[in-house]
Amino acid sequence: MEHGVVLCGANSYEQKYYFNEEDFGSLPESIKKELHIMCVLYTEDVGGVLTMEFDGEGNLQFTVEADESDYLFDEIGSALKIKQYQLEKRELLESLELYYRVFCLGEELSQ
């Protein structure tokens, strides 16, 4: 499986949060905080490892992994939480995709 450019992620096993400061350090602090909260809340509620990454076309993907021995990981809760984020944070997620397409992929803004 080909991985894209990681924006951020959280790991419930190591209780760590990661933000790709090198590629996305110029994002406003308020957006960085919102991403931090989203990722950490996800792993607190569901468990496992959540990564938000951009694919080759600039679409923001939620990637989830869980240890096979993690019987507390909630697969159904995971899908529901991601759907919830996609609905409630739609404007933020679409803005991040636009940012990535323009500033990282070099696409032109269409009017």
PDB file of N, CA and C in Angstrom:
ATOM      1  N   MET A   1       0.840  -1.194   0.000  1.00  0.00           N
ATOM      2  CA  MET A   1       0.000   0.000   0.000  1.00  0.00           C
ATOM      3  C   MET A   1       0.877   1.247   0.000  1.00  0.00           C
ATOM      4  N   GLU A   2       0.606   2.140  -0.919  1.00  0.00           N
ATOM      5  CA  GLU A   2       1.394   3.355  -1.039  1.00  0.00           C
ATOM      6  C   GLU A   2       0.855   4.411  -0.075  1.00  0.00           C
ATOM      7  N   HIS A   3       1.776   4.979   0.694  1.00  0.00           N
ATOM      8  CA  HIS A   3       1.380   6.026   1.633  1.00  0.00           C
ATOM      9  C   HIS A   3       1.599   7.385   1.003  1.00  0.00           C
ATOM     10  N   GLY A   4       0.765   8.324   1.395  1.00  0.00           N
ATOM     11  CA  GLY A   4       0.889   9.682   0.908  1.00  0.00           C
ATOM     12  C   GLY A   4       1.695  10.513   1.874  1.00  0.00           C
ATOM     13  N   VAL A   5       1.437  11.803   1.856  1.00  0.00           N
ATOM     14  CA  VAL A   5       2.120  12.742   2.735  1.00  0.00           C
ATOM     15  C   VAL A   5       1.311  12.867   4.027  1.00  0.00           C
ATOM     16  N   VAL A   6       1.934  12.505   5.132  1.00  0.00           N
ATOM     17  CA  VAL A   6       1.247  12.523   6.424  1.00  0.00           C
ATOM     18  C   VAL A   6       1.086  13.958   6.911  1.00  0.00           C
ATOM     19  N   LEU A   7      -0.138  14.289   7.305  1.00  0.00           N
ATOM     20  CA  LEU A   7      -0.427  15.587   7.908  1.00  0.00           C
ATOM     21  C   LEU A   7      -0.234  15.501   9.422  1.00  0.00           C
ATOM     22  N   CYS A   8      -0.900  14.509  10.029  1.00  0.00           N
ATOM     23  CA  CYS A   8      -0.802  14.345  11.476  1.00  0.00           C
ATOM     24  C   CYS A   8      -1.302  12.955  11.853  1.00  0.00           C
ATOM     25  N   GLY A   9      -1.124  12.615  13.116  1.00  0.00           N
ATOM     26  CA  GLY A   9      -1.604  11.320  13.573  1.00  0.00           C
ATOM     27  C   GLY A   9      -1.471  11.185  15.073  1.00  0.00           C
ATOM     28  N   ALA A  10      -2.148  10.173  15.601  1.00  0.00           N
ATOM     29  CA  ALA A  10      -2.068   9.888  17.027  1.00  0.00           C
ATOM     30  C   ALA A  10      -2.017   8.382  17.220  1.00  0.00           C
ATOM     31  N   ASN A  11      -1.317   7.978  18.277  1.00  0.00           N
ATOM     32  CA  ASN A  11      -1.100   6.573  18.563  1.00  0.00           C
ATOM     33  C   ASN A  11      -1.542   6.301  20.003  1.00  0.00           C
ATOM     34  N   SER A  12      -2.580   5.481  20.160  1.00  0.00           N
ATOM     35  CA  SER A  12      -3.090   5.212  21.510  1.00  0.00           C
ATOM     36  C   SER A  12      -2.163   4.296  22.293  1.00  0.00           C
ATOM     37  N   TYR A  13      -1.347   3.513  21.621  1.00  0.00           N
ATOM     38  CA  TYR A  13      -0.449   2.576  22.306  1.00  0.00           C
ATOM     39  C   TYR A  13       0.713   3.306  22.957  1.00  0.00           C
ATOM     40  N   GLU A  14       1.252   4.300  22.257  1.00  0.00           N
ATOM     41  CA  GLU A  14       2.376   5.071  22.791  1.00  0.00           C
ATOM     42  C   GLU A  14       1.918   6.394  23.400  1.00  0.00           C
ATOM     43  N   GLN A  15       0.637   6.686  23.277  1.00  0.00           N
ATOM     44  CA  GLN A  15       0.048   7.941  23.747  1.00  0.00           C
ATOM     45  C   GLN A  15       0.836   9.140  23.232  1.00  0.00           C
ATOM     46  N   LYS A  16       1.005   9.138  21.890  1.00  0.00           N
ATOM     47  CA  LYS A  16       1.756  10.216  21.253  1.00  0.00           C
ATOM     48  C   LYS A  16       0.944  10.812  20.118  1.00  0.00           C
ATOM     49  N   TYR A  17       1.210  12.087  19.863  1.00  0.00           N
ATOM     50  CA  TYR A  17       0.608  12.819  18.747  1.00  0.00           C
ATOM     51  C   TYR A  17       1.738  13.304  17.857  1.00  0.00           C
ATOM     52  N   TYR A  18       1.528  13.262  16.545  1.00  0.00           N
ATOM     53  CA  TYR A  18       2.531  13.728  15.588  1.00  0.00           C
ATOM     54  C   TYR A  18       1.889  14.728  14.640  1.00  0.00           C
ATOM     55  N   PHE A  19       2.601  15.811  14.380  1.00  0.00           N
ATOM     56  CA  PHE A  19       2.182  16.777  13.364  1.00  0.00           C
ATOM     57  C   PHE A  19       3.370  17.018  12.447  1.00  0.00           C
ATOM     58  N   ASN A  20       3.154  16.959  11.137  1.00  0.00           N
ATOM     59  CA  ASN A  20       4.205  17.142  10.140  1.00  0.00           C
ATOM     60  C   ASN A  20       4.533  18.630  10.010  1.00  0.00           C
ATOM     61  N   GLU A  21       5.378  19.092  10.908  1.00  0.00           N
ATOM     62  CA  GLU A  21       5.744  20.513  10.972  1.00  0.00           C
ATOM     63  C   GLU A  21       6.544  20.917   9.726  1.00  0.00           C
ATOM     64  N   GLU A  22       7.318  19.979   9.181  1.00  0.00           N
ATOM     65  CA  GLU A  22       8.169  20.286   8.027  1.00  0.00           C
ATOM     66  C   GLU A  22       7.336  20.715   6.810  1.00  0.00           C
ATOM     67  N   ASP A  23       6.273  19.971   6.519  1.00  0.00           N
ATOM     68  CA  ASP A  23       5.458  20.273   5.340  1.00  0.00           C
ATOM     69  C   ASP A  23       4.290  21.219   5.623  1.00  0.00           C
ATOM     70  N   PHE A  24       3.834  21.256   6.893  1.00  0.00           N
ATOM     71  CA  PHE A  24       2.603  22.000   7.189  1.00  0.00           C
ATOM     72  C   PHE A  24       2.764  23.000   8.336  1.00  0.00           C
ATOM     73  N   GLY A  25       3.998  23.364   8.617  1.00  0.00           N
ATOM     74  CA  GLY A  25       4.276  24.294   9.715  1.00  0.00           C
ATOM     75  C   GLY A  25       3.658  25.662   9.532  1.00  0.00           C
ATOM     76  N   SER A  26       3.341  26.024   8.273  1.00  0.00           N
ATOM     77  CA  SER A  26       2.787  27.355   8.017  1.00  0.00           C
ATOM     78  C   SER A  26       1.276  27.428   8.247  1.00  0.00           C
ATOM     79  N   LEU A  27       0.649  26.301   8.572  1.00  0.00           N
ATOM     80  CA  LEU A  27      -0.789  26.333   8.886  1.00  0.00           C
ATOM     81  C   LEU A  27      -1.017  27.146  10.154  1.00  0.00           C
ATOM     82  N   PRO A  28      -2.147  27.832  10.248  1.00  0.00           N
ATOM     83  CA  PRO A  28      -2.454  28.609  11.464  1.00  0.00           C
ATOM     84  C   PRO A  28      -2.506  27.720  12.713  1.00  0.00           C
ATOM     85  N   GLU A  29      -2.107  28.284  13.840  1.00  0.00           N
ATOM     86  CA  GLU A  29      -2.099  27.536  15.107  1.00  0.00           C
ATOM     87  C   GLU A  29      -3.477  26.965  15.446  1.00  0.00           C
ATOM     88  N   SER A  30      -4.535  27.714  15.118  1.00  0.00           N
ATOM     89  CA  SER A  30      -5.885  27.245  15.437  1.00  0.00           C
ATOM     90  C   SER A  30      -6.198  25.937  14.698  1.00  0.00           C
ATOM     91  N   ILE A  31      -5.733  25.806  13.460  1.00  0.00           N
ATOM     92  CA  ILE A  31      -5.960  24.580  12.696  1.00  0.00           C
ATOM     93  C   ILE A  31      -5.115  23.448  13.274  1.00  0.00           C
ATOM     94  N   LYS A  32      -3.869  23.755  13.621  1.00  0.00           N
ATOM     95  CA  LYS A  32      -3.004  22.734  14.237  1.00  0.00           C
ATOM     96  C   LYS A  32      -3.636  22.197  15.521  1.00  0.00           C
ATOM     97  N   LYS A  33      -4.194  23.103  16.325  1.00  0.00           N
ATOM     98  CA  LYS A  33      -4.837  22.681  17.579  1.00  0.00           C
ATOM     99  C   LYS A  33      -6.059  21.817  17.310  1.00  0.00           C
ATOM    100  N   GLU A  34      -6.858  22.207  16.331  1.00  0.00           N
ATOM    101  CA  GLU A  34      -8.058  21.444  16.005  1.00  0.00           C
ATOM    102  C   GLU A  34      -7.692  20.034  15.529  1.00  0.00           C
ATOM    103  N   LEU A  35      -6.658  19.920  14.706  1.00  0.00           N
ATOM    104  CA  LEU A  35      -6.189  18.607  14.246  1.00  0.00           C
ATOM    105  C   LEU A  35      -5.690  17.770  15.414  1.00  0.00           C
ATOM    106  N   HIS A  36      -4.967  18.415  16.321  1.00  0.00           N
ATOM    107  CA  HIS A  36      -4.458  17.729  17.511  1.00  0.00           C
ATOM    108  C   HIS A  36      -5.614  17.159  18.330  1.00  0.00           C
ATOM    109  N   ILE A  37      -6.612  17.971  18.564  1.00  0.00           N
ATOM    110  CA  ILE A  37      -7.783  17.541  19.343  1.00  0.00           C
ATOM    111  C   ILE A  37      -8.503  16.392  18.639  1.00  0.00           C
ATOM    112  N   MET A  38      -8.706  16.515  17.328  1.00  0.00           N
ATOM    113  CA  MET A  38      -9.397  15.460  16.573  1.00  0.00           C
ATOM    114  C   MET A  38      -8.663  14.121  16.708  1.00  0.00           C
ATOM    115  N   CYS A  39      -7.361  14.137  16.482  1.00  0.00           N
ATOM    116  CA  CYS A  39      -6.585  12.894  16.506  1.00  0.00           C
ATOM    117  C   CYS A  39      -6.555  12.267  17.899  1.00  0.00           C
ATOM    118  N   VAL A  40      -6.319  13.086  18.898  1.00  0.00           N
ATOM    119  CA  VAL A  40      -6.222  12.556  20.260  1.00  0.00           C
ATOM    120  C   VAL A  40      -7.579  12.044  20.748  1.00  0.00           C
ATOM    121  N   LEU A  41      -8.652  12.786  20.465  1.00  0.00           N
ATOM    122  CA  LEU A  41      -9.983  12.315  20.854  1.00  0.00           C
ATOM    123  C   LEU A  41     -10.327  11.001  20.170  1.00  0.00           C
ATOM    124  N   TYR A  42      -9.948  10.883  18.899  1.00  0.00           N
ATOM    125  CA  TYR A  42     -10.206   9.640  18.170  1.00  0.00           C
ATOM    126  C   TYR A  42      -9.545   8.463  18.888  1.00  0.00           C
ATOM    127  N   THR A  43      -8.252   8.595  19.198  1.00  0.00           N
ATOM    128  CA  THR A  43      -7.547   7.464  19.817  1.00  0.00           C
ATOM    129  C   THR A  43      -8.015   7.220  21.252  1.00  0.00           C
ATOM    130  N   GLU A  44      -8.462   8.268  21.934  1.00  0.00           N
ATOM    131  CA  GLU A  44      -9.018   8.081  23.282  1.00  0.00           C
ATOM    132  C   GLU A  44     -10.329   7.300  23.218  1.00  0.00           C
ATOM    133  N   ASP A  45     -11.175   7.629  22.238  1.00  0.00           N
ATOM    134  CA  ASP A  45     -12.492   6.996  22.107  1.00  0.00           C
ATOM    135  C   ASP A  45     -12.420   5.591  21.522  1.00  0.00           C
ATOM    136  N   VAL A  46     -11.554   5.406  20.520  1.00  0.00           N
ATOM    137  CA  VAL A  46     -11.583   4.196  19.712  1.00  0.00           C
ATOM    138  C   VAL A  46     -10.370   3.307  19.937  1.00  0.00           C
ATOM    139  N   GLY A  47      -9.220   3.924  20.162  1.00  0.00           N
ATOM    140  CA  GLY A  47      -7.975   3.165  20.279  1.00  0.00           C
ATOM    141  C   GLY A  47      -7.248   3.124  18.948  1.00  0.00           C
ATOM    142  N   GLY A  48      -6.187   2.336  18.887  1.00  0.00           N
ATOM    143  CA  GLY A  48      -5.441   2.159  17.653  1.00  0.00           C
ATOM    144  C   GLY A  48      -4.586   3.357  17.298  1.00  0.00           C
ATOM    145  N   VAL A  49      -4.273   3.429  16.010  1.00  0.00           N
ATOM    146  CA  VAL A  49      -3.436   4.499  15.473  1.00  0.00           C
ATOM    147  C   VAL A  49      -4.196   5.164  14.332  1.00  0.00           C
ATOM    148  N   LEU A  50      -4.351   6.471  14.407  1.00  0.00           N
ATOM    149  CA  LEU A  50      -5.011   7.236  13.352  1.00  0.00           C
ATOM    150  C   LEU A  50      -3.975   8.121  12.684  1.00  0.00           C
ATOM    151  N   THR A  51      -3.947   8.074  11.349  1.00  0.00           N
ATOM    152  CA  THR A  51      -3.087   8.955  10.577  1.00  0.00           C
ATOM    153  C   THR A  51      -3.948   9.672   9.548  1.00  0.00           C
ATOM    154  N   MET A  52      -3.750  10.967   9.431  1.00  0.00           N
ATOM    155  CA  MET A  52      -4.416  11.741   8.387  1.00  0.00           C
ATOM    156  C   MET A  52      -3.353  12.062   7.356  1.00  0.00           C
ATOM    157  N   GLU A  53      -3.583  11.612   6.112  1.00  0.00           N
ATOM    158  CA  GLU A  53      -2.571  11.825   5.083  1.00  0.00           C
ATOM    159  C   GLU A  53      -3.216  12.152   3.742  1.00  0.00           C
ATOM    160  N   PHE A  54      -2.446  12.865   2.915  1.00  0.00           N
ATOM    161  CA  PHE A  54      -2.899  13.250   1.592  1.00  0.00           C
ATOM    162  C   PHE A  54      -2.428  12.212   0.583  1.00  0.00           C
ATOM    163  N   ASP A  55      -3.340  11.797  -0.304  1.00  0.00           N
ATOM    164  CA  ASP A  55      -2.946  10.886  -1.382  1.00  0.00           C
ATOM    165  C   ASP A  55      -2.360  11.704  -2.537  1.00  0.00           C
ATOM    166  N   GLY A  56      -1.992  11.041  -3.622  1.00  0.00           N
ATOM    167  CA  GLY A  56      -1.351  11.699  -4.756  1.00  0.00           C
ATOM    168  C   GLY A  56      -2.190  12.764  -5.425  1.00  0.00           C
ATOM    169  N   GLU A  57      -3.520  12.670  -5.292  1.00  0.00           N
ATOM    170  CA  GLU A  57      -4.413  13.669  -5.892  1.00  0.00           C
ATOM    171  C   GLU A  57      -4.741  14.802  -4.937  1.00  0.00           C
ATOM    172  N   GLY A  58      -4.261  14.716  -3.700  1.00  0.00           N
ATOM    173  CA  GLY A  58      -4.525  15.774  -2.734  1.00  0.00           C
ATOM    174  C   GLY A  58      -5.756  15.545  -1.877  1.00  0.00           C
ATOM    175  N   ASN A  59      -6.290  14.316  -1.888  1.00  0.00           N
ATOM    176  CA  ASN A  59      -7.430  13.987  -1.027  1.00  0.00           C
ATOM    177  C   ASN A  59      -6.920  13.606   0.356  1.00  0.00           C
ATOM    178  N   LEU A  60      -7.583  14.108   1.375  1.00  0.00           N
ATOM    179  CA  LEU A  60      -7.192  13.814   2.750  1.00  0.00           C
ATOM    180  C   LEU A  60      -7.842  12.512   3.186  1.00  0.00           C
ATOM    181  N   GLN A  61      -7.012  11.540   3.539  1.00  0.00           N
ATOM    182  CA  GLN A  61      -7.479  10.207   3.922  1.00  0.00           C
ATOM    183  C   GLN A  61      -7.260   9.975   5.412  1.00  0.00           C
ATOM    184  N   PHE A  62      -8.190   9.264   6.017  1.00  0.00           N
ATOM    185  CA  PHE A  62      -8.032   8.817   7.397  1.00  0.00           C
ATOM    186  C   PHE A  62      -7.555   7.366   7.333  1.00  0.00           C
ATOM    187  N   THR A  63      -6.372   7.091   7.854  1.00  0.00           N
ATOM    188  CA  THR A  63      -5.833   5.742   7.863  1.00  0.00           C
ATOM    189  C   THR A  63      -5.824   5.242   9.307  1.00  0.00           C
ATOM    190  N   VAL A  64      -6.363   4.046   9.499  1.00  0.00           N
ATOM    191  CA  VAL A  64      -6.477   3.494  10.844  1.00  0.00           C
ATOM    192  C   VAL A  64      -5.762   2.148  10.908  1.00  0.00           C
ATOM    193  N   GLU A  65      -4.998   1.958  11.965  1.00  0.00           N
ATOM    194  CA  GLU A  65      -4.343   0.681  12.209  1.00  0.00           C
ATOM    195  C   GLU A  65      -4.570   0.306  13.661  1.00  0.00           C
ATOM    196  N   ALA A  66      -4.640  -1.003  13.903  1.00  0.00           N
ATOM    197  CA  ALA A  66      -4.773  -1.496  15.278  1.00  0.00           C
ATOM    198  C   ALA A  66      -3.997  -2.798  15.401  1.00  0.00           C
ATOM    199  N   ASP A  67      -3.369  -2.999  16.541  1.00  0.00           N
ATOM    200  CA  ASP A  67      -2.679  -4.259  16.801  1.00  0.00           C
ATOM    201  C   ASP A  67      -3.687  -5.396  16.778  1.00  0.00           C
ATOM    202  N   GLU A  68      -3.302  -6.528  16.216  1.00  0.00           N
ATOM    203  CA  GLU A  68      -4.204  -7.676  16.186  1.00  0.00           C
ATOM    204  C   GLU A  68      -4.590  -8.127  17.589  1.00  0.00           C
ATOM    205  N   SER A  69      -3.699  -7.907  18.537  1.00  0.00           N
ATOM    206  CA  SER A  69      -3.967  -8.329  19.915  1.00  0.00           C
ATOM    207  C   SER A  69      -4.777  -7.303  20.709  1.00  0.00           C
ATOM    208  N   ASP A  70      -5.158  -6.194  20.057  1.00  0.00           N
ATOM    209  CA  ASP A  70      -5.905  -5.136  20.733  1.00  0.00           C
ATOM    210  C   ASP A  70      -7.401  -5.446  20.678  1.00  0.00           C
ATOM    211  N   TYR A  71      -7.885  -6.135  21.701  1.00  0.00           N
ATOM    212  CA  TYR A  71      -9.296  -6.529  21.730  1.00  0.00           C
ATOM    213  C   TYR A  71     -10.209  -5.377  22.138  1.00  0.00           C
ATOM    214  N   LEU A  72      -9.623  -4.289  22.600  1.00  0.00           N
ATOM    215  CA  LEU A  72     -10.417  -3.128  22.990  1.00  0.00           C
ATOM    216  C   LEU A  72     -10.653  -2.175  21.820  1.00  0.00           C
ATOM    217  N   PHE A  73      -9.914  -2.368  20.700  1.00  0.00           N
ATOM    218  CA  PHE A  73     -10.103  -1.503  19.535  1.00  0.00           C
ATOM    219  C   PHE A  73     -11.521  -1.670  19.015  1.00  0.00           C
ATOM    220  N   ASP A  74     -12.189  -0.537  18.780  1.00  0.00           N
ATOM    221  CA  ASP A  74     -13.593  -0.528  18.371  1.00  0.00           C
ATOM    222  C   ASP A  74     -13.689  -0.214  16.878  1.00  0.00           C
ATOM    223  N   GLU A  75     -13.765  -1.271  16.051  1.00  0.00           N
ATOM    224  CA  GLU A  75     -13.775  -1.086  14.598  1.00  0.00           C
ATOM    225  C   GLU A  75     -15.013  -0.330  14.123  1.00  0.00           C
ATOM    226  N   ILE A  76     -16.154  -0.648  14.684  1.00  0.00           N
ATOM    227  CA  ILE A  76     -17.394   0.045  14.307  1.00  0.00           C
ATOM    228  C   ILE A  76     -17.331   1.497  14.783  1.00  0.00           C
ATOM    229  N   GLY A  77     -16.882   1.694  16.009  1.00  0.00           N
ATOM    230  CA  GLY A  77     -16.722   3.049  16.542  1.00  0.00           C
ATOM    231  C   GLY A  77     -15.752   3.868  15.708  1.00  0.00           C
ATOM    232  N   SER A  78     -14.726   3.215  15.176  1.00  0.00           N
ATOM    233  CA  SER A  78     -13.747   3.878  14.325  1.00  0.00           C
ATOM    234  C   SER A  78     -14.410   4.438  13.074  1.00  0.00           C
ATOM    235  N   ALA A  79     -15.174   3.605  12.383  1.00  0.00           N
ATOM    236  CA  ALA A  79     -15.855   4.040  11.159  1.00  0.00           C
ATOM    237  C   ALA A  79     -16.841   5.165  11.461  1.00  0.00           C
ATOM    238  N   LEU A  80     -17.566   5.042  12.582  1.00  0.00           N
ATOM    239  CA  LEU A  80     -18.540   6.073  12.955  1.00  0.00           C
ATOM    240  C   LEU A  80     -17.854   7.395  13.289  1.00  0.00           C
ATOM    241  N   LYS A  81     -16.726   7.322  14.003  1.00  0.00           N
ATOM    242  CA  LYS A  81     -16.002   8.533  14.397  1.00  0.00           C
ATOM    243  C   LYS A  81     -15.460   9.258  13.161  1.00  0.00           C
ATOM    244  N   ILE A  82     -14.939   8.496  12.198  1.00  0.00           N
ATOM    245  CA  ILE A  82     -14.422   9.105  10.974  1.00  0.00           C
ATOM    246  C   ILE A  82     -15.555   9.762  10.197  1.00  0.00           C
ATOM    247  N   LYS A  83     -16.701   9.083  10.091  1.00  0.00           N
ATOM    248  CA  LYS A  83     -17.870   9.673   9.418  1.00  0.00           C
ATOM    249  C   LYS A  83     -18.284  10.963  10.126  1.00  0.00           C
ATOM    250  N   GLN A  84     -18.288  10.933  11.451  1.00  0.00           N
ATOM    251  CA  GLN A  84     -18.640  12.116  12.235  1.00  0.00           C
ATOM    252  C   GLN A  84     -17.695  13.272  11.907  1.00  0.00           C
ATOM    253  N   TYR A  85     -16.401  12.993  11.884  1.00  0.00           N
ATOM    254  CA  TYR A  85     -15.422  14.031  11.545  1.00  0.00           C
ATOM    255  C   TYR A  85     -15.647  14.553  10.132  1.00  0.00           C
ATOM    256  N   GLN A  86     -15.915  13.643   9.181  1.00  0.00           N
ATOM    257  CA  GLN A  86     -16.110  14.063   7.796  1.00  0.00           C
ATOM    258  C   GLN A  86     -17.329  14.963   7.648  1.00  0.00           C
ATOM    259  N   LEU A  87     -18.343  14.761   8.478  1.00  0.00           N
ATOM    260  CA  LEU A  87     -19.530  15.620   8.450  1.00  0.00           C
ATOM    261  C   LEU A  87     -19.298  16.925   9.209  1.00  0.00           C
ATOM    262  N   GLU A  88     -18.869  16.807  10.471  1.00  0.00           N
ATOM    263  CA  GLU A  88     -18.754  17.981  11.338  1.00  0.00           C
ATOM    264  C   GLU A  88     -17.586  18.886  10.949  1.00  0.00           C
ATOM    265  N   LYS A  89     -16.525  18.314  10.418  1.00  0.00           N
ATOM    266  CA  LYS A  89     -15.312  19.079  10.102  1.00  0.00           C
ATOM    267  C   LYS A  89     -15.124  19.220   8.592  1.00  0.00           C
ATOM    268  N   ARG A  90     -16.214  19.092   7.845  1.00  0.00           N
ATOM    269  CA  ARG A  90     -16.131  19.092   6.386  1.00  0.00           C
ATOM    270  C   ARG A  90     -15.425  20.327   5.844  1.00  0.00           C
ATOM    271  N   GLU A  91     -15.796  21.488   6.356  1.00  0.00           N
ATOM    272  CA  GLU A  91     -15.195  22.733   5.878  1.00  0.00           C
ATOM    273  C   GLU A  91     -13.692  22.752   6.138  1.00  0.00           C
ATOM    274  N   LEU A  92     -13.282  22.345   7.321  1.00  0.00           N
ATOM    275  CA  LEU A  92     -11.856  22.290   7.669  1.00  0.00           C
ATOM    276  C   LEU A  92     -11.125  21.311   6.749  1.00  0.00           C
ATOM    277  N   LEU A  93     -11.676  20.115   6.569  1.00  0.00           N
ATOM    278  CA  LEU A  93     -11.025  19.090   5.763  1.00  0.00           C
ATOM    279  C   LEU A  93     -10.920  19.532   4.304  1.00  0.00           C
ATOM    280  N   GLU A  94     -11.961  20.153   3.768  1.00  0.00           N
ATOM    281  CA  GLU A  94     -11.917  20.645   2.390  1.00  0.00           C
ATOM    282  C   GLU A  94     -10.894  21.771   2.248  1.00  0.00           C
ATOM    283  N   SER A  95     -10.792  22.634   3.241  1.00  0.00           N
ATOM    284  CA  SER A  95      -9.806  23.719   3.211  1.00  0.00           C
ATOM    285  C   SER A  95      -8.391  23.166   3.234  1.00  0.00           C
ATOM    286  N   LEU A  96      -8.165  22.113   4.030  1.00  0.00           N
ATOM    287  CA  LEU A  96      -6.845  21.481   4.081  1.00  0.00           C
ATOM    288  C   LEU A  96      -6.494  20.848   2.740  1.00  0.00           C
ATOM    289  N   GLU A  97      -7.470  20.228   2.079  1.00  0.00           N
ATOM    290  CA  GLU A  97      -7.226  19.639   0.761  1.00  0.00           C
ATOM    291  C   GLU A  97      -6.873  20.727  -0.250  1.00  0.00           C
ATOM    292  N   LEU A  98      -7.586  21.841  -0.219  1.00  0.00           N
ATOM    293  CA  LEU A  98      -7.304  22.953  -1.120  1.00  0.00           C
ATOM    294  C   LEU A  98      -5.902  23.497  -0.858  1.00  0.00           C
ATOM    295  N   TYR A  99      -5.572  23.695   0.406  1.00  0.00           N
ATOM    296  CA  TYR A  99      -4.234  24.167   0.796  1.00  0.00           C
ATOM    297  C   TYR A  99      -3.167  23.238   0.229  1.00  0.00           C
ATOM    298  N   TYR A 100      -3.360  21.943   0.403  1.00  0.00           N
ATOM    299  CA  TYR A 100      -2.376  20.961  -0.054  1.00  0.00           C
ATOM    300  C   TYR A 100      -2.234  20.993  -1.576  1.00  0.00           C
ATOM    301  N   ARG A 101      -3.363  21.057  -2.269  1.00  0.00           N
ATOM    302  CA  ARG A 101      -3.321  21.055  -3.739  1.00  0.00           C
ATOM    303  C   ARG A 101      -2.604  22.289  -4.282  1.00  0.00           C
ATOM    304  N   VAL A 102      -2.832  23.440  -3.662  1.00  0.00           N
ATOM    305  CA  VAL A 102      -2.237  24.684  -4.154  1.00  0.00           C
ATOM    306  C   VAL A 102      -0.774  24.806  -3.727  1.00  0.00           C
ATOM    307  N   PHE A 103      -0.491  24.612  -2.441  1.00  0.00           N
ATOM    308  CA  PHE A 103       0.850  24.896  -1.925  1.00  0.00           C
ATOM    309  C   PHE A 103       1.817  23.714  -2.021  1.00  0.00           C
ATOM    310  N   CYS A 104       1.310  22.493  -2.057  1.00  0.00           N
ATOM    311  CA  CYS A 104       2.202  21.328  -2.128  1.00  0.00           C
ATOM    312  C   CYS A 104       2.244  20.705  -3.520  1.00  0.00           C
ATOM    313  N   LEU A 105       1.099  20.650  -4.177  1.00  0.00           N
ATOM    314  CA  LEU A 105       1.046  20.061  -5.521  1.00  0.00           C
ATOM    315  C   LEU A 105       1.178  21.110  -6.624  1.00  0.00           C
ATOM    316  N   GLY A 106       1.048  22.386  -6.257  1.00  0.00           N
ATOM    317  CA  GLY A 106       1.225  23.465  -7.222  1.00  0.00           C
ATOM    318  C   GLY A 106       0.082  23.646  -8.201  1.00  0.00           C
ATOM    319  N   GLU A 107      -1.108  23.188  -7.838  1.00  0.00           N
ATOM    320  CA  GLU A 107      -2.255  23.357  -8.740  1.00  0.00           C
ATOM    321  C   GLU A 107      -2.711  24.808  -8.740  1.00  0.00           C
ATOM    322  N   GLU A 108      -3.297  25.199  -9.848  1.00  0.00           N
ATOM    323  CA  GLU A 108      -3.852  26.544  -9.970  1.00  0.00           C
ATOM    324  C   GLU A 108      -5.240  26.585  -9.325  1.00  0.00           C
ATOM    325  N   LEU A 109      -5.563  27.692  -8.716  1.00  0.00           N
ATOM    326  CA  LEU A 109      -6.903  27.891  -8.180  1.00  0.00           C
ATOM    327  C   LEU A 109      -7.866  28.145  -9.331  1.00  0.00           C
ATOM    328  N   SER A 110      -8.956  27.397  -9.388  1.00  0.00           N
ATOM    329  CA  SER A 110      -9.947  27.644 -10.434  1.00  0.00           C
ATOM    330  C   SER A 110     -11.012  28.582  -9.883  1.00  0.00           C
ATOM    331  N   GLN A 111     -11.436  29.494 -10.694  1.00  0.00           N
ATOM    332  CA  GLN A 111     -12.410  30.485 -10.250  1.00  0.00           C
ATOM    333  C   GLN A 111     -13.801  29.924 -10.266  1.00  0.00           C
TER     334      GLN A 111
END
